[in-house]
Amino acid sequence: MPIDRAIEAIIREAMARGEFDNLPGKGKTIDLTDYFNTPEDLRLAYSIMKNAGVLPEEVEILKEIEALNSELEACTDESQRKQLKKKIEDRKMRVSLLLEGHRARRTKSSE
């Protein structure tokens, strides 16, 4: 039996057992607009990074901003609060620059 038929048979059996009935997003269309708007080279790079368990720099920074915001909410020392606010603003600027670079590359590649 060819591999594609074997895979189809496994999927049909799983469907018959109801293994796909409670998946998140069941019945909803998948919006792939962002995927296809991303240049092919970046899609490939992101796929490799995802498979390696590595996040893009901007995602890492956004997680850091989230942690800093939580720290800021719990902080009572005013000088520490100022330092945390400065760190947050610096990280936000870095993310903005990274995203702007991505936008510029997309615009350039679509021309």
C-alpha atoms as a PDB file:
ATOM      1  CA  MET A   1       0.000   0.000   0.000  1.00  0.00           C
ATOM      2  CA  PRO A   2       1.459   3.399  -0.976  1.00  0.00           C
ATOM      3  CA  ILE A   3       2.303   5.703   1.928  1.00  0.00           C
ATOM      4  CA  ASP A   4      -0.347   8.312   1.067  1.00  0.00           C
ATOM      5  CA  ARG A   5      -3.122   5.708   1.187  1.00  0.00           C
ATOM      6  CA  ALA A   6      -1.816   4.351   4.489  1.00  0.00           C
ATOM      7  CA  ILE A   7      -1.851   7.847   5.966  1.00  0.00           C
ATOM      8  CA  GLU A   8      -5.368   8.483   4.655  1.00  0.00           C
ATOM      9  CA  ALA A   9      -6.540   5.218   6.228  1.00  0.00           C
ATOM     10  CA  ILE A  10      -5.033   6.181   9.606  1.00  0.00           C
ATOM     11  CA  ILE A  11      -6.720   9.588   9.448  1.00  0.00           C
ATOM     12  CA  ARG A  12     -10.095   8.066   8.495  1.00  0.00           C
ATOM     13  CA  GLU A  13      -9.856   5.615  11.421  1.00  0.00           C
ATOM     14  CA  ALA A  14      -9.035   8.439  13.826  1.00  0.00           C
ATOM     15  CA  MET A  15     -11.998  10.439  12.492  1.00  0.00           C
ATOM     16  CA  ALA A  16     -14.291   7.458  12.954  1.00  0.00           C
ATOM     17  CA  ARG A  17     -13.140   7.177  16.587  1.00  0.00           C
ATOM     18  CA  GLY A  18     -13.923  10.894  17.062  1.00  0.00           C
ATOM     19  CA  GLU A  19     -10.341  11.897  17.817  1.00  0.00           C
ATOM     20  CA  PHE A  20     -10.747  15.159  15.889  1.00  0.00           C
ATOM     21  CA  ASP A  21     -14.148  16.138  17.318  1.00  0.00           C
ATOM     22  CA  ASN A  22     -12.966  18.426  20.136  1.00  0.00           C
ATOM     23  CA  LEU A  23     -10.085  20.237  18.477  1.00  0.00           C
ATOM     24  CA  PRO A  24      -9.850  23.995  19.113  1.00  0.00           C
ATOM     25  CA  GLY A  25     -11.146  26.016  16.179  1.00  0.00           C
ATOM     26  CA  LYS A  26     -13.209  23.139  14.782  1.00  0.00           C
ATOM     27  CA  GLY A  27     -15.467  24.377  11.999  1.00  0.00           C
ATOM     28  CA  LYS A  28     -13.700  27.740  11.732  1.00  0.00           C
ATOM     29  CA  THR A  29     -11.847  28.812   8.631  1.00  0.00           C
ATOM     30  CA  ILE A  30      -8.107  29.283   8.929  1.00  0.00           C
ATOM     31  CA  ASP A  31      -6.926  32.786   8.049  1.00  0.00           C
ATOM     32  CA  LEU A  32      -3.631  32.346   6.198  1.00  0.00           C
ATOM     33  CA  THR A  33      -3.377  35.969   5.040  1.00  0.00           C
ATOM     34  CA  ASP A  34      -0.441  36.775   7.331  1.00  0.00           C
ATOM     35  CA  TYR A  35       1.308  33.563   6.331  1.00  0.00           C
ATOM     36  CA  PHE A  36       1.160  34.348   2.608  1.00  0.00           C
ATOM     37  CA  ASN A  37       1.996  38.030   3.175  1.00  0.00           C
ATOM     38  CA  THR A  38       5.257  36.954   4.811  1.00  0.00           C
ATOM     39  CA  PRO A  39       8.115  36.609   2.299  1.00  0.00           C
ATOM     40  CA  GLU A  40       9.048  33.009   1.504  1.00  0.00           C
ATOM     41  CA  ASP A  41      12.549  33.311   2.955  1.00  0.00           C
ATOM     42  CA  LEU A  42      11.156  34.517   6.287  1.00  0.00           C
ATOM     43  CA  ARG A  43       8.510  31.772   6.310  1.00  0.00           C
ATOM     44  CA  LEU A  44      11.256  29.203   5.866  1.00  0.00           C
ATOM     45  CA  ALA A  45      13.383  30.804   8.570  1.00  0.00           C
ATOM     46  CA  TYR A  46      10.441  30.963  10.998  1.00  0.00           C
ATOM     47  CA  SER A  47       9.604  27.325  10.285  1.00  0.00           C
ATOM     48  CA  ILE A  48      13.177  26.244  11.023  1.00  0.00           C
ATOM     49  CA  MET A  49      13.227  28.339  14.190  1.00  0.00           C
ATOM     50  CA  LYS A  50       9.881  26.916  15.329  1.00  0.00           C
ATOM     51  CA  ASN A  51      11.053  23.348  14.787  1.00  0.00           C
ATOM     52  CA  ALA A  52      14.207  24.123  16.779  1.00  0.00           C
ATOM     53  CA  GLY A  53      12.166  25.635  19.617  1.00  0.00           C
ATOM     54  CA  VAL A  54      13.621  29.108  19.043  1.00  0.00           C
ATOM     55  CA  LEU A  55      11.460  32.217  19.089  1.00  0.00           C
ATOM     56  CA  PRO A  56      12.050  35.266  16.863  1.00  0.00           C
ATOM     57  CA  GLU A  57      13.806  38.109  18.672  1.00  0.00           C
ATOM     58  CA  GLU A  58      10.703  40.303  18.674  1.00  0.00           C
ATOM     59  CA  VAL A  59       8.662  37.584  20.409  1.00  0.00           C
ATOM     60  CA  GLU A  60      11.360  37.130  23.043  1.00  0.00           C
ATOM     61  CA  ILE A  61      11.365  40.880  23.664  1.00  0.00           C
ATOM     62  CA  LEU A  62       7.557  40.997  23.895  1.00  0.00           C
ATOM     63  CA  LYS A  63       7.699  38.274  26.546  1.00  0.00           C
ATOM     64  CA  GLU A  64      10.345  40.287  28.392  1.00  0.00           C
ATOM     65  CA  ILE A  65       8.112  43.386  28.229  1.00  0.00           C
ATOM     66  CA  GLU A  66       5.249  41.364  29.704  1.00  0.00           C
ATOM     67  CA  ALA A  67       7.462  40.191  32.579  1.00  0.00           C
ATOM     68  CA  LEU A  68       8.725  43.740  33.178  1.00  0.00           C
ATOM     69  CA  ASN A  69       5.137  45.043  33.256  1.00  0.00           C
ATOM     70  CA  SER A  70       4.239  42.442  35.886  1.00  0.00           C
ATOM     71  CA  GLU A  71       7.293  43.450  37.883  1.00  0.00           C
ATOM     72  CA  LEU A  72       6.310  47.116  37.539  1.00  0.00           C
ATOM     73  CA  GLU A  73       2.801  46.438  38.867  1.00  0.00           C
ATOM     74  CA  ALA A  74       4.236  44.803  41.990  1.00  0.00           C
ATOM     75  CA  CYS A  75       6.977  47.390  42.534  1.00  0.00           C
ATOM     76  CA  THR A  76       6.543  50.012  45.259  1.00  0.00           C
ATOM     77  CA  ASP A  77       9.979  51.671  45.146  1.00  0.00           C
ATOM     78  CA  GLU A  78       9.781  54.787  42.955  1.00  0.00           C
ATOM     79  CA  SER A  79      13.392  54.659  41.723  1.00  0.00           C
ATOM     80  CA  GLN A  80      12.959  51.005  40.728  1.00  0.00           C
ATOM     81  CA  ARG A  81       9.697  51.882  38.989  1.00  0.00           C
ATOM     82  CA  LYS A  82      11.531  54.517  36.931  1.00  0.00           C
ATOM     83  CA  GLN A  83      14.187  51.969  35.944  1.00  0.00           C
ATOM     84  CA  LEU A  84      11.544  49.414  34.987  1.00  0.00           C
ATOM     85  CA  LYS A  85       9.636  51.990  32.921  1.00  0.00           C
ATOM     86  CA  LYS A  86      12.867  52.904  31.117  1.00  0.00           C
ATOM     87  CA  LYS A  87      13.600  49.222  30.394  1.00  0.00           C
ATOM     88  CA  ILE A  88      10.064  48.731  29.072  1.00  0.00           C
ATOM     89  CA  GLU A  89      10.337  51.756  26.784  1.00  0.00           C
ATOM     90  CA  ASP A  90      13.741  50.566  25.507  1.00  0.00           C
ATOM     91  CA  ARG A  91      12.339  47.111  24.736  1.00  0.00           C
ATOM     92  CA  LYS A  92       9.283  48.604  23.013  1.00  0.00           C
ATOM     93  CA  MET A  93      11.568  50.720  20.834  1.00  0.00           C
ATOM     94  CA  ARG A  94      13.618  47.639  19.908  1.00  0.00           C
ATOM     95  CA  VAL A  95      10.476  45.719  18.906  1.00  0.00           C
ATOM     96  CA  SER A  96       9.288  48.686  16.834  1.00  0.00           C
ATOM     97  CA  LEU A  97      12.615  48.835  15.012  1.00  0.00           C
ATOM     98  CA  LEU A  98      12.575  45.090  14.323  1.00  0.00           C
ATOM     99  CA  LEU A  99       9.015  45.206  13.015  1.00  0.00           C
ATOM    100  CA  GLU A 100       9.759  48.241  10.873  1.00  0.00           C
ATOM    101  CA  GLY A 101      12.701  46.358   9.361  1.00  0.00           C
ATOM    102  CA  HIS A 102      10.382  43.459   8.521  1.00  0.00           C
ATOM    103  CA  ARG A 103       7.871  45.854   6.925  1.00  0.00           C
ATOM    104  CA  ALA A 104      10.595  47.524   4.870  1.00  0.00           C
ATOM    105  CA  ARG A 105      11.843  44.153   3.596  1.00  0.00           C
ATOM    106  CA  ARG A 106       8.283  43.105   2.695  1.00  0.00           C
ATOM    107  CA  THR A 107       7.686  46.348   0.812  1.00  0.00           C
ATOM    108  CA  LYS A 108      10.993  46.026  -0.994  1.00  0.00           C
ATOM    109  CA  SER A 109      10.381  42.389  -1.970  1.00  0.00           C
ATOM    110  CA  SER A 110       6.874  43.144  -3.299  1.00  0.00           C
ATOM    111  CA  GLU A 111       8.096  45.909  -5.606  1.00  0.00           C
END
